[in-house]
Amino acid sequence: MKMAIIGAGGWGSALAYSYAQAGYKVTIWAHSLEVVEEINKEHTNKTYLPGITFPKTVKATDSFAFLKEEELVLLMSPAQYMRSVVKDLQSYLLPQAVLVHGAKGIEMKTLARISEVIEEETKGRHPVLVLSGPTHAEEVAKSLPTACVLAGKDQNLVKEVQEKLILPSFRIYASDDITGVEIGGSLKNVIAIATGIADGLGYGDNARGALITRGLAEMARLGVRMGANPLTFAGLSGMGDLIATCTSPHSRNRQAGIMLSQGKTLRDITSSSKMVVEGAFTAESAYRLGQKYAVELPIVKEVLLVLQGEKSPQEIAPLLMTRDPQEELNYLLPKK
């Protein structure tokens, strides 16, 4: 059995390790030649997945030529780099290749969901599925119990790929709501930054609970306006991923929020690590999507203003608490 993975960050590396442990022969593409050499020689990826030693059945490469023999390709590059990666690899794909992406973000330049970016760059020649949910790489690589969702238009294909990707410690559920799964996976990172700010300022459990649930309302409000099923946001790619990202010490987005509460700037945070803080990009693109669809996203807006240095973290809570009274489930209620 073979597995092809594009992207040797934490998520791609965790999947490479997991499938190799399950007996797959894994080829993983990395942009950095330094990472390629480390994986092939030392069988580690200390920058993106420290503490893990890959089985020798994991081979890294900086060439896309191996894709000429792969029928299933996992695209695990960060959201803002996905277009350039797919543009470079698409000519190597087999006609029958199926693409599964695990990026959580919205392209800033176009406001496109990542599945739309992939479809555009491949001219719609390949089916594109979305893998999302509460999947911290550190835990997946330790074979800790993990559940996620695989979404696609063709449910027969989704079920076929689901059976190929499922592992004893990696359970996958099926969905036909690509839009809902992608919006949930993207906006949860912004809400996690807000939660990190609140945690860093010592606002307590009540505030964290409020931010998580009202963040869920913002995700669902935008998603529903874009055509998503509101029930998707009660699932793994919505509430599930939101809870994990807003509470876990593994969450880079929550940690970024904590650092913002300590007076650090976005530049300070991004320059201190090679790991990508997707929520920093998604805050702007999500806010602009909200404007496009006439959807109010107050938490997203305040996080964006903090990231841009226009407001201090301490200003977020008073502004959110003094908004006009609202119906709690107004994103589900018919307009009066």
Protein backbone atom coordinates (compact mmCIF):
# COMPACT_ATOMS: atom_id res chain seq x y z
CA MET A 1 0.00 0.00 0.00
CA LYS A 2 1.17 3.50 -0.87
CA MET A 3 0.39 6.98 0.41
CA ALA A 4 1.32 10.29 -1.21
CA ILE A 5 1.47 13.40 0.96
CA ILE A 6 2.20 16.97 -0.12
CA GLY A 7 3.49 19.18 2.69
CA ALA A 8 5.88 18.21 5.50
CA GLY A 9 4.58 20.54 8.17
CA GLY A 10 3.19 19.13 11.39
CA TRP A 11 -0.06 17.81 9.89
CA GLY A 12 1.51 16.23 6.82
CA SER A 13 4.30 14.72 8.91
CA ALA A 14 1.86 13.27 11.44
CA LEU A 15 -0.10 11.58 8.67
CA ALA A 16 3.10 10.27 7.08
CA TYR A 17 4.14 8.74 10.39
CA SER A 18 0.68 7.28 11.09
CA TYR A 19 0.24 5.63 7.70
CA ALA A 20 3.81 4.30 7.74
CA GLN A 21 3.13 2.76 11.15
CA ALA A 22 0.06 1.12 9.62
CA GLY A 23 2.17 -0.51 6.91
CA TYR A 24 1.97 2.03 4.10
CA LYS A 25 4.93 3.01 1.97
CA VAL A 26 4.78 6.80 2.27
CA THR A 27 6.27 9.46 0.03
CA ILE A 28 6.09 13.00 1.42
CA TRP A 29 6.94 16.15 -0.52
CA ALA A 30 8.63 19.02 1.31
CA HIS A 31 9.36 22.50 0.01
CA SER A 32 12.58 22.67 2.03
CA LEU A 33 15.53 20.57 0.89
CA GLU A 34 16.80 20.74 4.47
CA VAL A 35 13.61 19.02 5.70
CA VAL A 36 13.85 16.43 2.90
CA GLU A 37 17.39 15.52 3.90
CA GLU A 38 16.55 15.36 7.61
CA ILE A 39 13.62 12.99 7.03
CA ASN A 40 15.64 10.75 4.70
CA LYS A 41 18.85 10.69 6.76
CA GLU A 42 17.77 11.19 10.37
CA HIS A 43 14.14 10.03 10.02
CA THR A 44 12.99 13.07 12.00
CA ASN A 45 11.37 16.43 11.39
CA LYS A 46 12.40 18.31 14.51
CA THR A 47 11.12 21.68 13.37
CA TYR A 48 7.54 20.67 12.58
CA LEU A 49 7.00 17.44 14.53
CA PRO A 50 9.60 17.08 17.30
CA GLY A 51 9.90 13.86 19.26
CA ILE A 52 8.86 11.57 16.42
CA THR A 53 11.09 9.11 14.53
CA PHE A 54 9.70 8.08 11.16
CA PRO A 55 9.73 4.46 10.03
CA LYS A 56 12.19 3.88 7.21
CA THR A 57 9.23 3.39 4.85
CA VAL A 58 8.77 7.18 4.84
CA LYS A 59 10.70 8.81 1.99
CA ALA A 60 10.86 12.55 1.45
CA THR A 61 11.37 14.40 -1.82
CA ASP A 62 11.34 17.93 -3.22
CA SER A 63 10.18 16.68 -6.64
CA PHE A 64 6.59 16.06 -7.75
CA ALA A 65 7.60 13.31 -10.17
CA PHE A 66 6.40 10.55 -7.81
CA LEU A 67 2.81 11.75 -8.32
CA LYS A 68 2.81 10.14 -11.76
CA GLU A 69 2.11 6.84 -9.99
CA GLU A 70 -0.31 8.00 -7.29
CA GLU A 71 -4.11 7.75 -7.47
CA LEU A 72 -4.75 9.34 -4.07
CA VAL A 73 -2.90 12.50 -3.05
CA LEU A 74 -3.15 14.21 0.36
CA LEU A 75 -2.56 17.97 0.05
CA MET A 76 -1.41 19.23 3.45
CA SER A 77 0.27 22.52 2.57
CA PRO A 78 -0.83 25.69 4.41
CA ALA A 79 -3.86 27.46 2.97
CA GLN A 80 -2.06 30.55 1.69
CA TYR A 81 0.51 28.43 -0.16
CA MET A 82 -1.89 25.88 -1.62
CA ARG A 83 -2.44 27.64 -4.96
CA SER A 84 1.25 27.87 -5.83
CA VAL A 85 1.88 24.25 -4.75
CA VAL A 86 -1.03 22.86 -6.78
CA LYS A 87 -0.09 24.99 -9.78
CA ASP A 88 3.36 23.37 -9.74
CA LEU A 89 2.22 19.78 -9.18
CA GLN A 90 -0.93 19.55 -11.32
CA SER A 91 0.88 18.53 -14.51
CA TYR A 92 2.24 15.39 -12.75
CA LEU A 93 -1.15 14.06 -11.64
CA LEU A 94 -2.67 10.91 -13.10
CA PRO A 95 -6.00 11.52 -14.89
CA GLN A 96 -7.79 9.44 -12.23
CA ALA A 97 -6.06 11.05 -9.24
CA VAL A 98 -8.25 12.02 -6.29
CA LEU A 99 -7.13 15.00 -4.19
CA VAL A 100 -7.77 15.35 -0.45
CA HIS A 101 -6.81 18.62 1.21
CA GLY A 102 -6.40 19.34 4.91
CA ALA A 103 -5.75 23.09 4.83
CA LYS A 104 -7.75 25.31 7.19
CA GLY A 105 -8.03 28.80 5.81
CA ILE A 106 -9.49 31.10 3.17
CA GLU A 107 -7.29 32.46 0.39
CA MET A 108 -6.69 36.11 1.19
CA LYS A 109 -6.38 37.43 -2.36
CA THR A 110 -9.53 35.83 -3.77
CA LEU A 111 -11.57 34.91 -0.65
CA ALA A 112 -11.88 31.44 -2.18
CA ARG A 113 -12.23 28.32 -0.10
CA ILE A 114 -9.24 26.02 -0.56
CA SER A 115 -11.20 23.36 -2.45
CA GLU A 116 -12.16 26.09 -4.92
CA VAL A 117 -8.50 27.09 -5.27
CA ILE A 118 -7.51 23.49 -6.03
CA GLU A 119 -10.35 23.01 -8.51
CA GLU A 120 -9.38 26.21 -10.29
CA GLU A 121 -5.72 25.28 -10.58
CA THR A 122 -6.48 21.73 -11.77
CA LYS A 123 -9.18 22.98 -14.19
CA GLY A 124 -11.75 20.76 -12.45
CA ARG A 125 -10.09 17.59 -13.76
CA HIS A 126 -9.84 15.94 -10.35
CA PRO A 127 -12.32 15.38 -7.52
CA VAL A 128 -11.40 17.38 -4.43
CA LEU A 129 -12.28 16.17 -0.94
CA VAL A 130 -11.78 17.97 2.38
CA LEU A 131 -10.36 16.40 5.56
CA SER A 132 -10.98 18.45 8.69
CA GLY A 133 -11.74 18.27 12.39
CA PRO A 134 -9.94 18.33 15.76
CA THR A 135 -6.66 16.84 14.61
CA HIS A 136 -3.66 18.20 16.48
CA ALA A 137 -0.63 16.70 14.76
CA GLU A 138 1.16 15.95 18.04
CA GLU A 139 -1.67 13.66 19.14
CA VAL A 140 -2.28 12.02 15.76
CA ALA A 141 1.40 11.04 15.61
CA LYS A 142 1.11 9.40 19.06
CA SER A 143 -1.87 7.33 17.84
CA LEU A 144 -4.13 9.00 20.39
CA PRO A 145 -7.83 8.58 19.51
CA THR A 146 -8.79 11.14 16.85
CA ALA A 147 -11.96 11.66 14.83
CA CYS A 148 -12.42 13.91 11.81
CA VAL A 149 -14.69 14.39 8.81
CA LEU A 150 -14.16 13.84 5.09
CA ALA A 151 -16.38 15.94 2.83
CA GLY A 152 -16.99 15.71 -0.90
CA LYS A 153 -19.65 16.08 -3.58
CA ASP A 154 -19.68 12.40 -4.63
CA GLN A 155 -20.64 10.36 -1.57
CA ASN A 156 -19.67 7.08 -3.19
CA LEU A 157 -16.16 8.45 -3.69
CA VAL A 158 -16.10 9.89 -0.17
CA LYS A 159 -16.93 6.48 1.29
CA GLU A 160 -14.29 4.81 -0.88
CA VAL A 161 -11.58 7.23 0.29
CA GLN A 162 -12.89 7.09 3.85
CA GLU A 163 -12.22 3.34 3.92
CA LYS A 164 -8.69 3.86 2.59
CA LEU A 165 -7.75 6.54 5.11
CA ILE A 166 -9.35 5.25 8.28
CA LEU A 167 -6.99 3.80 10.93
CA PRO A 168 -7.64 2.13 14.31
CA SER A 169 -6.87 5.41 16.13
CA PHE A 170 -7.97 7.74 13.31
CA ARG A 171 -11.73 7.59 12.74
CA ILE A 172 -13.24 9.40 9.75
CA TYR A 173 -16.87 10.37 9.24
CA ALA A 174 -18.42 11.25 5.87
CA SER A 175 -20.11 14.50 4.84
CA ASP A 176 -21.41 16.12 1.67
CA ASP A 177 -21.09 19.68 3.02
CA ILE A 178 -17.75 20.93 1.68
CA THR A 179 -18.62 24.58 2.32
CA GLY A 180 -19.59 24.02 5.95
CA VAL A 181 -16.57 21.86 6.69
CA GLU A 182 -14.16 24.40 5.19
CA ILE A 183 -15.74 27.45 6.84
CA GLY A 184 -15.74 25.75 10.24
CA GLY A 185 -12.14 24.65 9.90
CA SER A 186 -11.08 28.14 8.87
CA LEU A 187 -12.90 30.42 11.28
CA LYS A 188 -12.18 28.31 14.36
CA ASN A 189 -8.58 29.53 14.17
CA VAL A 190 -9.69 33.15 14.51
CA ILE A 191 -11.91 32.30 17.48
CA ALA A 192 -8.96 30.47 19.05
CA ILE A 193 -6.90 33.67 18.86
CA ALA A 194 -9.71 35.50 20.67
CA THR A 195 -9.86 32.75 23.29
CA GLY A 196 -6.10 32.91 23.75
CA ILE A 197 -6.33 36.66 24.33
CA ALA A 198 -9.05 36.12 26.94
CA ASP A 199 -7.06 33.36 28.64
CA GLY A 200 -3.93 35.50 28.63
CA LEU A 201 -5.81 38.36 30.26
CA GLY A 202 -7.21 36.05 32.93
CA TYR A 203 -10.85 36.45 31.97
CA GLY A 204 -11.71 32.95 33.19
CA ASP A 205 -13.79 29.96 32.16
CA ASN A 206 -17.04 31.84 31.65
CA ALA A 207 -15.46 34.12 29.06
CA ARG A 208 -13.85 31.15 27.30
CA GLY A 209 -17.18 29.35 27.15
CA ALA A 210 -18.89 32.45 25.80
CA LEU A 211 -16.26 33.03 23.13
CA ILE A 212 -16.41 29.41 21.95
CA THR A 213 -20.19 29.36 21.62
CA ARG A 214 -20.54 32.84 20.16
CA GLY A 215 -17.66 32.03 17.85
CA LEU A 216 -19.63 28.98 16.75
CA ALA A 217 -22.55 31.30 16.00
CA GLU A 218 -20.33 33.46 13.77
CA MET A 219 -18.99 30.43 11.90
CA ALA A 220 -22.50 29.09 11.34
CA ARG A 221 -23.97 32.49 10.42
CA LEU A 222 -21.42 32.96 7.64
CA GLY A 223 -21.51 29.34 6.55
CA VAL A 224 -25.29 29.22 6.27
CA ARG A 225 -25.29 32.40 4.20
CA MET A 226 -22.77 30.72 1.88
CA GLY A 227 -24.99 27.67 1.48
CA ALA A 228 -23.72 25.35 4.22
CA ASN A 229 -25.86 23.02 6.30
CA PRO A 230 -26.20 24.58 9.79
CA LEU A 231 -25.94 21.14 11.40
CA THR A 232 -22.38 20.79 10.07
CA PHE A 233 -21.25 23.32 12.65
CA ALA A 234 -22.45 21.06 15.46
CA GLY A 235 -20.09 18.36 14.15
CA LEU A 236 -16.38 17.61 14.17
CA SER A 237 -15.31 20.36 11.75
CA GLY A 238 -17.34 22.93 13.69
CA MET A 239 -17.80 22.55 17.42
CA GLY A 240 -15.34 19.67 17.66
CA ASP A 241 -12.43 21.52 16.11
CA LEU A 242 -13.43 24.75 17.86
CA ILE A 243 -13.27 23.18 21.32
CA ALA A 244 -9.91 21.52 20.66
CA THR A 245 -8.31 24.61 19.14
CA CYS A 246 -9.63 27.02 21.79
CA THR A 247 -8.53 24.92 24.76
CA SER A 248 -5.42 22.96 23.77
CA PRO A 249 -1.81 23.87 24.62
CA HIS A 250 -0.95 22.45 21.16
CA SER A 251 -2.97 25.20 19.44
CA ARG A 252 -0.70 27.70 17.69
CA ASN A 253 -3.63 30.08 17.24
CA ARG A 254 -4.55 30.05 20.93
CA GLN A 255 -0.88 30.54 21.83
CA ALA A 256 -0.75 33.49 19.42
CA GLY A 257 -3.69 35.04 21.29
CA ILE A 258 -1.92 34.58 24.61
CA MET A 259 1.19 36.26 23.19
CA LEU A 260 -0.92 39.16 21.90
CA SER A 261 -2.35 39.60 25.40
CA GLN A 262 1.24 39.90 26.68
CA GLY A 263 1.91 42.84 24.38
CA LYS A 264 3.62 41.04 21.53
CA THR A 265 2.80 42.05 17.96
CA LEU A 266 1.86 39.79 15.08
CA ARG A 267 5.32 40.37 13.61
CA ASP A 268 6.91 39.24 16.90
CA ILE A 269 4.81 36.07 16.89
CA THR A 270 5.34 35.05 13.26
CA SER A 271 9.08 35.76 13.34
CA SER A 272 9.61 33.59 16.42
CA SER A 273 8.54 30.32 14.74
CA LYS A 274 8.43 28.60 11.36
CA MET A 275 4.98 27.24 12.20
CA VAL A 276 2.08 28.97 10.42
CA VAL A 277 -0.59 30.76 12.48
CA GLU A 278 -3.45 30.36 10.01
CA GLY A 279 -5.89 32.45 12.04
CA ALA A 280 -3.76 35.55 11.47
CA PHE A 281 -4.47 35.27 7.75
CA THR A 282 -8.05 34.04 8.10
CA ALA A 283 -9.12 36.97 10.31
CA GLU A 284 -8.84 39.38 7.39
CA SER A 285 -10.28 37.06 4.74
CA ALA A 286 -13.17 36.01 7.02
CA TYR A 287 -13.99 39.62 7.83
CA ARG A 288 -14.04 40.47 4.13
CA LEU A 289 -16.24 37.43 3.44
CA GLY A 290 -18.61 38.69 6.12
CA GLN A 291 -18.81 42.03 4.33
CA LYS A 292 -19.36 40.30 1.00
CA TYR A 293 -22.27 38.24 2.35
CA ALA A 294 -23.59 40.96 4.70
CA VAL A 295 -22.94 38.84 7.79
CA GLU A 296 -21.93 40.40 11.09
CA LEU A 297 -18.81 38.80 12.62
CA PRO A 298 -18.01 40.83 15.76
CA ILE A 299 -15.39 38.50 17.26
CA VAL A 300 -13.59 38.16 13.91
CA LYS A 301 -13.64 41.93 13.50
CA GLU A 302 -12.15 42.64 16.93
CA VAL A 303 -9.43 40.01 16.50
CA LEU A 304 -8.51 41.55 13.14
CA LEU A 305 -8.21 45.01 14.69
CA VAL A 306 -5.91 43.65 17.40
CA LEU A 307 -3.78 41.82 14.82
CA GLN A 308 -3.50 45.03 12.80
CA GLY A 309 -2.43 46.97 15.91
CA GLU A 310 -5.47 49.24 15.79
CA LYS A 311 -6.82 48.11 19.16
CA SER A 312 -5.32 46.64 22.30
CA PRO A 313 -6.32 43.14 23.46
CA GLN A 314 -7.84 44.71 26.58
CA GLU A 315 -10.45 46.51 24.46
CA ILE A 316 -12.06 43.38 23.03
CA ALA A 317 -14.19 42.30 26.00
CA PRO A 318 -15.90 45.65 26.70
CA LEU A 319 -16.79 46.07 23.04
CA LEU A 320 -18.24 42.58 22.69
CA MET A 321 -20.16 42.84 25.98
CA THR A 322 -21.84 46.15 25.11
CA ARG A 323 -23.27 45.13 21.72
CA ASP A 324 -27.02 45.39 21.13
CA PRO A 325 -29.11 42.53 22.59
CA GLN A 326 -29.52 39.58 20.22
CA GLU A 327 -31.44 36.32 19.86
CA GLU A 328 -29.00 33.54 20.78
CA LEU A 329 -29.79 31.36 17.75
CA ASN A 330 -30.51 34.18 15.33
CA TYR A 331 -28.43 32.55 12.61
CA LEU A 332 -30.94 29.67 12.58
CA LEU A 333 -34.10 31.71 12.96
CA PRO A 334 -36.11 32.94 9.96
CA LYS A 335 -35.92 36.67 9.41
CA LYS A 336 -38.95 38.53 10.77
